[in-house]
Amino acid sequence: MVLSNKKTSPIANKICKNWESRGYNVPDAIVLEGPKAGGHLGWSYKRIAQSNDFLKDYDLFDELLDPVLKVAERFGEIPIITAGGIYTHEDILYALSRGASAVQMGSRFAVTEESGFTNETKQLIINSKKDGIIIADASQGSPCIFPFRYIKNSPLILERTDEHFCICTGLFGAVGQNNTELLGTKGFPIKCPEGYVLEKGKICPGRGNADYNALTTIGSEGYRIDKVLSTSELMRELIN
């Protein structure tokens, strides 16, 4: 395996050193998630805004993988699991050929028969277009500070009406101009994200409501999904 001349990853190096300094073994594996992933992304709004081409500037294989592999080699060949944008059998083979020990896939399995998503959410993904899967801007209210990728036609987004809005809880009804006493800094609910604010015993959409699929996060390649498959069908496609 030939690694690039790029420096080692400072974040991966810091994590491994921190584990060692606390007397732990080094991590059993590292999941390296690229910019094509769904859900929360590991880049700040500022970094994304400053990038001329976010996907290219932080490409999983051309920019991120080799520096992390160097850290993994230094600390004893830690397995690296690549994630974000892995879609086909060929993508898996390419990741392995570049030095990854495995891949992590989410979007493909979100639209399987066994997935916990509702039929409506699965259809929303199937109907999505490339330009309809976007990264939220800061106004969408992510209490963990990081941006996230989602389908812009998600019901929660279309129904948004309040000035103050927390995307992670979906409390646009409980938190708004008429409930400002519940708000913390930046318009987020007090105790959010770990302890969501509830209004008079309401079930928070983000916790405990099995019917809640109003916000659909998906990877950048999710628009390529065109039908619901069983997990066994999908696995056969991925290994052949």
C-alpha atoms as a PDB file:
ATOM      1  CA  MET A   1       0.000   0.000   0.000  1.00  0.00           C
ATOM      2  CA  VAL A   2       1.465   3.352  -1.042  1.00  0.00           C
ATOM      3  CA  LEU A   3       0.435   6.373   0.986  1.00  0.00           C
ATOM      4  CA  SER A   4       0.535   9.964  -0.173  1.00  0.00           C
ATOM      5  CA  ASN A   5       3.051  12.509   1.083  1.00  0.00           C
ATOM      6  CA  LYS A   6       0.370  14.367   2.999  1.00  0.00           C
ATOM      7  CA  LYS A   7       0.771  14.869   6.727  1.00  0.00           C
ATOM      8  CA  THR A   8      -0.937  12.648   9.236  1.00  0.00           C
ATOM      9  CA  SER A   9      -4.448  13.539  10.331  1.00  0.00           C
ATOM     10  CA  PRO A  10      -4.194  15.785  13.434  1.00  0.00           C
ATOM     11  CA  ILE A  11      -7.641  14.774  14.668  1.00  0.00           C
ATOM     12  CA  ALA A  12      -7.055  11.021  14.369  1.00  0.00           C
ATOM     13  CA  ASN A  13      -3.608  11.454  15.926  1.00  0.00           C
ATOM     14  CA  LYS A  14      -5.052  13.412  18.857  1.00  0.00           C
ATOM     15  CA  ILE A  15      -7.746  10.793  19.490  1.00  0.00           C
ATOM     16  CA  CYS A  16      -5.248   7.933  19.545  1.00  0.00           C
ATOM     17  CA  LYS A  17      -2.794   9.824  21.753  1.00  0.00           C
ATOM     18  CA  ASN A  18      -5.599  10.747  24.141  1.00  0.00           C
ATOM     19  CA  TRP A  19      -6.635   7.111  24.471  1.00  0.00           C
ATOM     20  CA  GLU A  20      -3.036   6.107  25.152  1.00  0.00           C
ATOM     21  CA  SER A  21      -2.541   8.842  27.740  1.00  0.00           C
ATOM     22  CA  ARG A  22      -5.565   7.559  29.662  1.00  0.00           C
ATOM     23  CA  GLY A  23      -4.150   4.059  29.751  1.00  0.00           C
ATOM     24  CA  TYR A  24      -6.591   2.604  27.230  1.00  0.00           C
ATOM     25  CA  ASN A  25      -5.784   0.513  24.222  1.00  0.00           C
ATOM     26  CA  VAL A  26      -5.894   2.378  20.925  1.00  0.00           C
ATOM     27  CA  PRO A  27      -9.299   2.374  19.176  1.00  0.00           C
ATOM     28  CA  ASP A  28     -10.405  -0.955  17.744  1.00  0.00           C
ATOM     29  CA  ALA A  29     -11.317   0.875  14.541  1.00  0.00           C
ATOM     30  CA  ILE A  30     -11.846   4.369  13.168  1.00  0.00           C
ATOM     31  CA  VAL A  31     -14.847   5.335  11.051  1.00  0.00           C
ATOM     32  CA  LEU A  32     -13.766   7.990   8.561  1.00  0.00           C
ATOM     33  CA  GLU A  33     -16.852   9.782   7.267  1.00  0.00           C
ATOM     34  CA  GLY A  34     -16.494  11.928   4.154  1.00  0.00           C
ATOM     35  CA  PRO A  35     -18.498  14.974   3.018  1.00  0.00           C
ATOM     36  CA  LYS A  36     -21.058  12.926   1.060  1.00  0.00           C
ATOM     37  CA  ALA A  37     -22.579  11.408   4.187  1.00  0.00           C
ATOM     38  CA  GLY A  38     -26.112  12.033   5.390  1.00  0.00           C
ATOM     39  CA  GLY A  39     -27.071  13.465   8.751  1.00  0.00           C
ATOM     40  CA  HIS A  40     -24.618  15.609  10.681  1.00  0.00           C
ATOM     41  CA  LEU A  41     -21.290  16.354   9.023  1.00  0.00           C
ATOM     42  CA  GLY A  42     -17.970  16.949  10.753  1.00  0.00           C
ATOM     43  CA  TRP A  43     -17.308  20.359   9.247  1.00  0.00           C
ATOM     44  CA  SER A  44     -18.351  23.760  10.525  1.00  0.00           C
ATOM     45  CA  TYR A  45     -20.672  26.030   8.553  1.00  0.00           C
ATOM     46  CA  LYS A  46     -17.694  28.377   8.157  1.00  0.00           C
ATOM     47  CA  ARG A  47     -15.439  25.726   6.596  1.00  0.00           C
ATOM     48  CA  ILE A  48     -18.147  24.699   4.147  1.00  0.00           C
ATOM     49  CA  ALA A  49     -18.831  28.323   3.204  1.00  0.00           C
ATOM     50  CA  GLN A  50     -15.123  28.995   2.641  1.00  0.00           C
ATOM     51  CA  SER A  51     -14.718  25.969   0.398  1.00  0.00           C
ATOM     52  CA  ASN A  52     -14.874  26.485  -3.360  1.00  0.00           C
ATOM     53  CA  ASP A  53     -16.011  22.892  -3.846  1.00  0.00           C
ATOM     54  CA  PHE A  54     -16.868  21.182  -0.550  1.00  0.00           C
ATOM     55  CA  LEU A  55     -17.077  17.641  -1.947  1.00  0.00           C
ATOM     56  CA  LYS A  56     -13.797  17.984  -3.829  1.00  0.00           C
ATOM     57  CA  ASP A  57     -11.842  19.883  -1.191  1.00  0.00           C
ATOM     58  CA  TYR A  58     -12.608  17.224   1.425  1.00  0.00           C
ATOM     59  CA  ASP A  59     -12.905  14.183  -0.839  1.00  0.00           C
ATOM     60  CA  LEU A  60     -12.972  10.983   1.205  1.00  0.00           C
ATOM     61  CA  PHE A  61     -10.260   9.245  -0.793  1.00  0.00           C
ATOM     62  CA  ASP A  62      -8.230  12.025  -2.399  1.00  0.00           C
ATOM     63  CA  GLU A  63      -7.967  14.223   0.698  1.00  0.00           C
ATOM     64  CA  LEU A  64      -8.976  12.436   3.907  1.00  0.00           C
ATOM     65  CA  LEU A  65      -8.040   8.765   3.814  1.00  0.00           C
ATOM     66  CA  ASP A  66      -4.243   8.687   3.436  1.00  0.00           C
ATOM     67  CA  PRO A  67      -3.487  10.992   6.412  1.00  0.00           C
ATOM     68  CA  VAL A  68      -5.708   8.826   8.628  1.00  0.00           C
ATOM     69  CA  LEU A  69      -4.094   5.635   7.324  1.00  0.00           C
ATOM     70  CA  LYS A  70      -0.720   7.053   8.356  1.00  0.00           C
ATOM     71  CA  VAL A  71      -1.981   7.529  11.902  1.00  0.00           C
ATOM     72  CA  ALA A  72      -3.471   4.028  11.902  1.00  0.00           C
ATOM     73  CA  GLU A  73      -0.126   2.594  10.822  1.00  0.00           C
ATOM     74  CA  ARG A  74       1.737   4.513  13.504  1.00  0.00           C
ATOM     75  CA  PHE A  75      -0.485   3.180  16.273  1.00  0.00           C
ATOM     76  CA  GLY A  76      -0.504  -0.451  15.172  1.00  0.00           C
ATOM     77  CA  GLU A  77      -2.558  -0.864  12.012  1.00  0.00           C
ATOM     78  CA  ILE A  78      -5.920   0.325  13.314  1.00  0.00           C
ATOM     79  CA  PRO A  79      -8.682  -0.691  10.836  1.00  0.00           C
ATOM     80  CA  ILE A  80     -10.166   2.270   8.977  1.00  0.00           C
ATOM     81  CA  ILE A  81     -13.821   2.093   7.965  1.00  0.00           C
ATOM     82  CA  THR A  82     -14.726   4.557   5.208  1.00  0.00           C
ATOM     83  CA  ALA A  83     -18.209   6.065   5.004  1.00  0.00           C
ATOM     84  CA  GLY A  84     -20.122   8.648   3.016  1.00  0.00           C
ATOM     85  CA  GLY A  85     -21.005   8.194  -0.640  1.00  0.00           C
ATOM     86  CA  ILE A  86     -20.310   4.439  -0.800  1.00  0.00           C
ATOM     87  CA  TYR A  87     -23.070   3.189  -3.093  1.00  0.00           C
ATOM     88  CA  THR A  88     -22.040   0.276  -5.339  1.00  0.00           C
ATOM     89  CA  HIS A  89     -20.008  -2.929  -5.322  1.00  0.00           C
ATOM     90  CA  GLU A  90     -17.344  -1.052  -7.281  1.00  0.00           C
ATOM     91  CA  ASP A  91     -17.257   1.686  -4.621  1.00  0.00           C
ATOM     92  CA  ILE A  92     -16.589  -0.952  -1.960  1.00  0.00           C
ATOM     93  CA  LEU A  93     -13.768  -2.505  -3.985  1.00  0.00           C
ATOM     94  CA  TYR A  94     -12.229   0.914  -4.576  1.00  0.00           C
ATOM     95  CA  ALA A  95     -12.318   1.748  -0.863  1.00  0.00           C
ATOM     96  CA  LEU A  96     -10.594  -1.530  -0.034  1.00  0.00           C
ATOM     97  CA  SER A  97      -8.011  -0.975  -2.766  1.00  0.00           C
ATOM     98  CA  ARG A  98      -7.149   2.401  -1.221  1.00  0.00           C
ATOM     99  CA  GLY A  99      -6.405   0.865   2.156  1.00  0.00           C
ATOM    100  CA  ALA A 100      -9.736   0.855   3.982  1.00  0.00           C
ATOM    101  CA  SER A 101     -10.489  -2.283   5.977  1.00  0.00           C
ATOM    102  CA  ALA A 102     -14.244  -1.969   5.535  1.00  0.00           C
ATOM    103  CA  VAL A 103     -17.003   0.439   4.539  1.00  0.00           C
ATOM    104  CA  GLN A 104     -20.012   1.819   6.365  1.00  0.00           C
ATOM    105  CA  MET A 105     -23.239   2.325   4.406  1.00  0.00           C
ATOM    106  CA  GLY A 106     -26.435   3.964   5.560  1.00  0.00           C
ATOM    107  CA  SER A 107     -28.467   5.451   2.722  1.00  0.00           C
ATOM    108  CA  ARG A 108     -28.754   2.238   0.708  1.00  0.00           C
ATOM    109  CA  PHE A 109     -30.138   0.355   3.698  1.00  0.00           C
ATOM    110  CA  ALA A 110     -32.565   3.136   4.635  1.00  0.00           C
ATOM    111  CA  VAL A 111     -34.807   2.097   1.743  1.00  0.00           C
ATOM    112  CA  THR A 112     -34.945  -1.639   2.410  1.00  0.00           C
ATOM    113  CA  GLU A 113     -38.017  -3.574   3.419  1.00  0.00           C
ATOM    114  CA  GLU A 114     -36.538  -4.104   6.868  1.00  0.00           C
ATOM    115  CA  SER A 115     -35.719  -0.423   7.416  1.00  0.00           C
ATOM    116  CA  GLY A 116     -37.463   1.348  10.268  1.00  0.00           C
ATOM    117  CA  PHE A 117     -38.397   4.264   8.018  1.00  0.00           C
ATOM    118  CA  THR A 118     -42.071   4.610   7.164  1.00  0.00           C
ATOM    119  CA  ASN A 119     -43.265   3.822   3.649  1.00  0.00           C
ATOM    120  CA  GLU A 120     -43.852   7.555   3.152  1.00  0.00           C
ATOM    121  CA  THR A 121     -40.245   8.348   4.053  1.00  0.00           C
ATOM    122  CA  LYS A 122     -38.891   5.620   1.779  1.00  0.00           C
ATOM    123  CA  GLN A 123     -40.960   7.040  -1.071  1.00  0.00           C
ATOM    124  CA  LEU A 124     -39.664  10.527  -0.283  1.00  0.00           C
ATOM    125  CA  ILE A 125     -36.117   9.224  -0.758  1.00  0.00           C
ATOM    126  CA  ILE A 126     -37.042   7.421  -3.985  1.00  0.00           C
ATOM    127  CA  ASN A 127     -38.631  10.616  -5.329  1.00  0.00           C
ATOM    128  CA  SER A 128     -35.698  12.824  -4.319  1.00  0.00           C
ATOM    129  CA  LYS A 129     -33.521  14.581  -6.892  1.00  0.00           C
ATOM    130  CA  LYS A 130     -29.818  15.356  -6.755  1.00  0.00           C
ATOM    131  CA  ASP A 131     -30.401  19.065  -6.143  1.00  0.00           C
ATOM    132  CA  GLY A 132     -33.073  18.249  -3.557  1.00  0.00           C
ATOM    133  CA  ILE A 133     -30.584  16.753  -1.112  1.00  0.00           C
ATOM    134  CA  ILE A 134     -28.905  19.722   0.544  1.00  0.00           C
ATOM    135  CA  ILE A 135     -26.828  20.810   3.518  1.00  0.00           C
ATOM    136  CA  ALA A 136     -28.728  22.881   6.041  1.00  0.00           C
ATOM    137  CA  ASP A 137     -27.581  26.393   6.764  1.00  0.00           C
ATOM    138  CA  ALA A 138     -27.177  27.719  10.295  1.00  0.00           C
ATOM    139  CA  SER A 139     -30.752  29.040  10.439  1.00  0.00           C
ATOM    140  CA  GLN A 140     -32.117  25.493  10.554  1.00  0.00           C
ATOM    141  CA  GLY A 141     -31.012  25.180  14.157  1.00  0.00           C
ATOM    142  CA  SER A 142     -28.672  22.303  14.894  1.00  0.00           C
ATOM    143  CA  PRO A 143     -27.840  22.425  18.630  1.00  0.00           C
ATOM    144  CA  CYS A 144     -24.671  20.364  18.158  1.00  0.00           C
ATOM    145  CA  ILE A 145     -23.401  23.204  15.911  1.00  0.00           C
ATOM    146  CA  PHE A 146     -22.587  20.950  12.960  1.00  0.00           C
ATOM    147  CA  PRO A 147     -24.514  21.184   9.665  1.00  0.00           C
ATOM    148  CA  PHE A 148     -26.398  18.223   8.258  1.00  0.00           C
ATOM    149  CA  ARG A 149     -27.543  16.892   4.893  1.00  0.00           C
ATOM    150  CA  TYR A 150     -31.220  16.213   4.364  1.00  0.00           C
ATOM    151  CA  ILE A 151     -34.043  16.152   1.821  1.00  0.00           C
ATOM    152  CA  LYS A 152     -35.337  19.690   1.528  1.00  0.00           C
ATOM    153  CA  ASN A 153     -38.884  18.487   0.843  1.00  0.00           C
ATOM    154  CA  SER A 154     -39.100  16.740   4.204  1.00  0.00           C
ATOM    155  CA  PRO A 155     -42.470  17.468   5.857  1.00  0.00           C
ATOM    156  CA  LEU A 156     -40.839  19.118   8.862  1.00  0.00           C
ATOM    157  CA  ILE A 157     -39.127  21.639   6.604  1.00  0.00           C
ATOM    158  CA  LEU A 158     -42.231  22.365   4.530  1.00  0.00           C
ATOM    159  CA  GLU A 159     -44.289  22.884   7.695  1.00  0.00           C
ATOM    160  CA  ARG A 160     -41.806  25.214   9.361  1.00  0.00           C
ATOM    161  CA  THR A 161     -43.512  28.420  10.405  1.00  0.00           C
ATOM    162  CA  ASP A 162     -41.843  29.689  13.577  1.00  0.00           C
ATOM    163  CA  GLU A 163     -39.074  32.217  13.791  1.00  0.00           C
ATOM    164  CA  HIS A 164     -37.298  30.072  16.377  1.00  0.00           C
ATOM    165  CA  PHE A 165     -36.885  26.528  15.230  1.00  0.00           C
ATOM    166  CA  CYS A 166     -34.871  23.548  16.400  1.00  0.00           C
ATOM    167  CA  ILE A 167     -34.430  21.056  13.600  1.00  0.00           C
ATOM    168  CA  CYS A 168     -33.110  18.322  15.896  1.00  0.00           C
ATOM    169  CA  THR A 169     -36.283  18.218  17.949  1.00  0.00           C
ATOM    170  CA  GLY A 170     -38.846  19.464  15.462  1.00  0.00           C
ATOM    171  CA  LEU A 171     -40.452  21.515  18.216  1.00  0.00           C
ATOM    172  CA  PHE A 172     -41.814  24.159  15.904  1.00  0.00           C
ATOM    173  CA  GLY A 173     -45.146  23.959  17.750  1.00  0.00           C
ATOM    174  CA  ALA A 174     -43.819  23.933  21.286  1.00  0.00           C
ATOM    175  CA  VAL A 175     -41.002  26.380  20.728  1.00  0.00           C
ATOM    176  CA  GLY A 176     -41.722  29.650  19.020  1.00  0.00           C
ATOM    177  CA  GLN A 177     -42.579  33.265  19.540  1.00  0.00           C
ATOM    178  CA  ASN A 178     -45.325  32.381  22.000  1.00  0.00           C
ATOM    179  CA  ASN A 179     -43.078  30.142  24.066  1.00  0.00           C
ATOM    180  CA  THR A 180     -39.927  32.215  24.398  1.00  0.00           C
ATOM    181  CA  GLU A 181     -39.496  31.202  28.039  1.00  0.00           C
ATOM    182  CA  LEU A 182     -38.521  27.745  26.809  1.00  0.00           C
ATOM    183  CA  LEU A 183     -35.734  29.037  24.599  1.00  0.00           C
ATOM    184  CA  GLY A 184     -32.057  28.954  25.390  1.00  0.00           C
ATOM    185  CA  THR A 185     -29.302  30.644  23.419  1.00  0.00           C
ATOM    186  CA  LYS A 186     -29.626  31.046  19.675  1.00  0.00           C
ATOM    187  CA  GLY A 187     -33.292  30.092  19.789  1.00  0.00           C
ATOM    188  CA  PHE A 188     -32.646  26.477  20.768  1.00  0.00           C
ATOM    189  CA  PRO A 189     -34.765  24.757  23.435  1.00  0.00           C
ATOM    190  CA  ILE A 190     -33.324  24.758  26.924  1.00  0.00           C
ATOM    191  CA  LYS A 191     -31.441  21.513  27.658  1.00  0.00           C
ATOM    192  CA  CYS A 192     -31.353  20.631  23.959  1.00  0.00           C
ATOM    193  CA  PRO A 193     -30.017  18.412  22.466  1.00  0.00           C
ATOM    194  CA  GLU A 194     -29.668  15.813  25.229  1.00  0.00           C
ATOM    195  CA  GLY A 195     -32.667  16.863  27.296  1.00  0.00           C
ATOM    196  CA  TYR A 196     -35.346  18.109  24.956  1.00  0.00           C
ATOM    197  CA  VAL A 197     -37.922  20.620  26.137  1.00  0.00           C
ATOM    198  CA  LEU A 198     -41.461  19.299  26.064  1.00  0.00           C
ATOM    199  CA  GLU A 199     -44.643  21.349  26.229  1.00  0.00           C
ATOM    200  CA  LYS A 200     -47.219  20.055  28.696  1.00  0.00           C
ATOM    201  CA  GLY A 201     -46.223  16.419  28.333  1.00  0.00           C
ATOM    202  CA  LYS A 202     -46.084  16.342  24.550  1.00  0.00           C
ATOM    203  CA  ILE A 203     -43.945  13.591  23.068  1.00  0.00           C
ATOM    204  CA  CYS A 204     -40.906  15.146  21.495  1.00  0.00           C
ATOM    205  CA  PRO A 205     -40.821  14.134  17.812  1.00  0.00           C
ATOM    206  CA  GLY A 206     -37.131  13.394  18.140  1.00  0.00           C
ATOM    207  CA  ARG A 207     -37.566  11.007  21.045  1.00  0.00           C
ATOM    208  CA  GLY A 208     -40.041   8.203  21.526  1.00  0.00           C
ATOM    209  CA  ASN A 209     -42.518   8.792  18.705  1.00  0.00           C
ATOM    210  CA  ALA A 210     -42.388   5.825  16.368  1.00  0.00           C
ATOM    211  CA  ASP A 211     -44.455   7.607  13.726  1.00  0.00           C
ATOM    212  CA  TYR A 212     -42.039  10.520  13.464  1.00  0.00           C
ATOM    213  CA  ASN A 213     -40.155  10.621  10.181  1.00  0.00           C
ATOM    214  CA  ALA A 214     -40.794  14.246   9.358  1.00  0.00           C
ATOM    215  CA  LEU A 215     -37.150  15.090   8.715  1.00  0.00           C
ATOM    216  CA  THR A 216     -35.265  12.749   6.396  1.00  0.00           C
ATOM    217  CA  THR A 217     -31.482  12.889   6.386  1.00  0.00           C
ATOM    218  CA  ILE A 218     -29.764  11.029   3.574  1.00  0.00           C
ATOM    219  CA  GLY A 219     -26.363  10.910   1.889  1.00  0.00           C
ATOM    220  CA  SER A 220     -25.585  12.857  -1.261  1.00  0.00           C
ATOM    221  CA  GLU A 221     -26.053   9.723  -3.396  1.00  0.00           C
ATOM    222  CA  GLY A 222     -29.518   8.987  -2.007  1.00  0.00           C
ATOM    223  CA  TYR A 223     -31.192  10.350  -5.120  1.00  0.00           C
ATOM    224  CA  ARG A 224     -29.877   7.301  -7.015  1.00  0.00           C
ATOM    225  CA  ILE A 225     -32.164   4.972  -5.041  1.00  0.00           C
ATOM    226  CA  ASP A 226     -35.172   4.130  -7.201  1.00  0.00           C
ATOM    227  CA  LYS A 227     -36.925   1.251  -5.417  1.00  0.00           C
ATOM    228  CA  VAL A 228     -37.341  -0.610  -2.156  1.00  0.00           C
ATOM    229  CA  LEU A 229     -35.256  -3.783  -1.905  1.00  0.00           C
ATOM    230  CA  SER A 230     -35.052  -6.456   0.742  1.00  0.00           C
ATOM    231  CA  THR A 231     -31.792  -6.478   2.656  1.00  0.00           C
ATOM    232  CA  SER A 232     -30.848  -9.810   1.089  1.00  0.00           C
ATOM    233  CA  GLU A 233     -31.450  -8.403  -2.408  1.00  0.00           C
ATOM    234  CA  LEU A 234     -29.318  -5.375  -1.644  1.00  0.00           C
ATOM    235  CA  MET A 235     -26.527  -7.512  -0.187  1.00  0.00           C
ATOM    236  CA  ARG A 236     -26.470  -9.687  -3.293  1.00  0.00           C
ATOM    237  CA  GLU A 237     -26.132  -6.528  -5.395  1.00  0.00           C
ATOM    238  CA  LEU A 238     -23.304  -5.203  -3.244  1.00  0.00           C
ATOM    239  CA  ILE A 239     -21.199  -8.356  -3.229  1.00  0.00           C
ATOM    240  CA  ASN A 240     -21.442  -9.123  -6.951  1.00  0.00           C
END
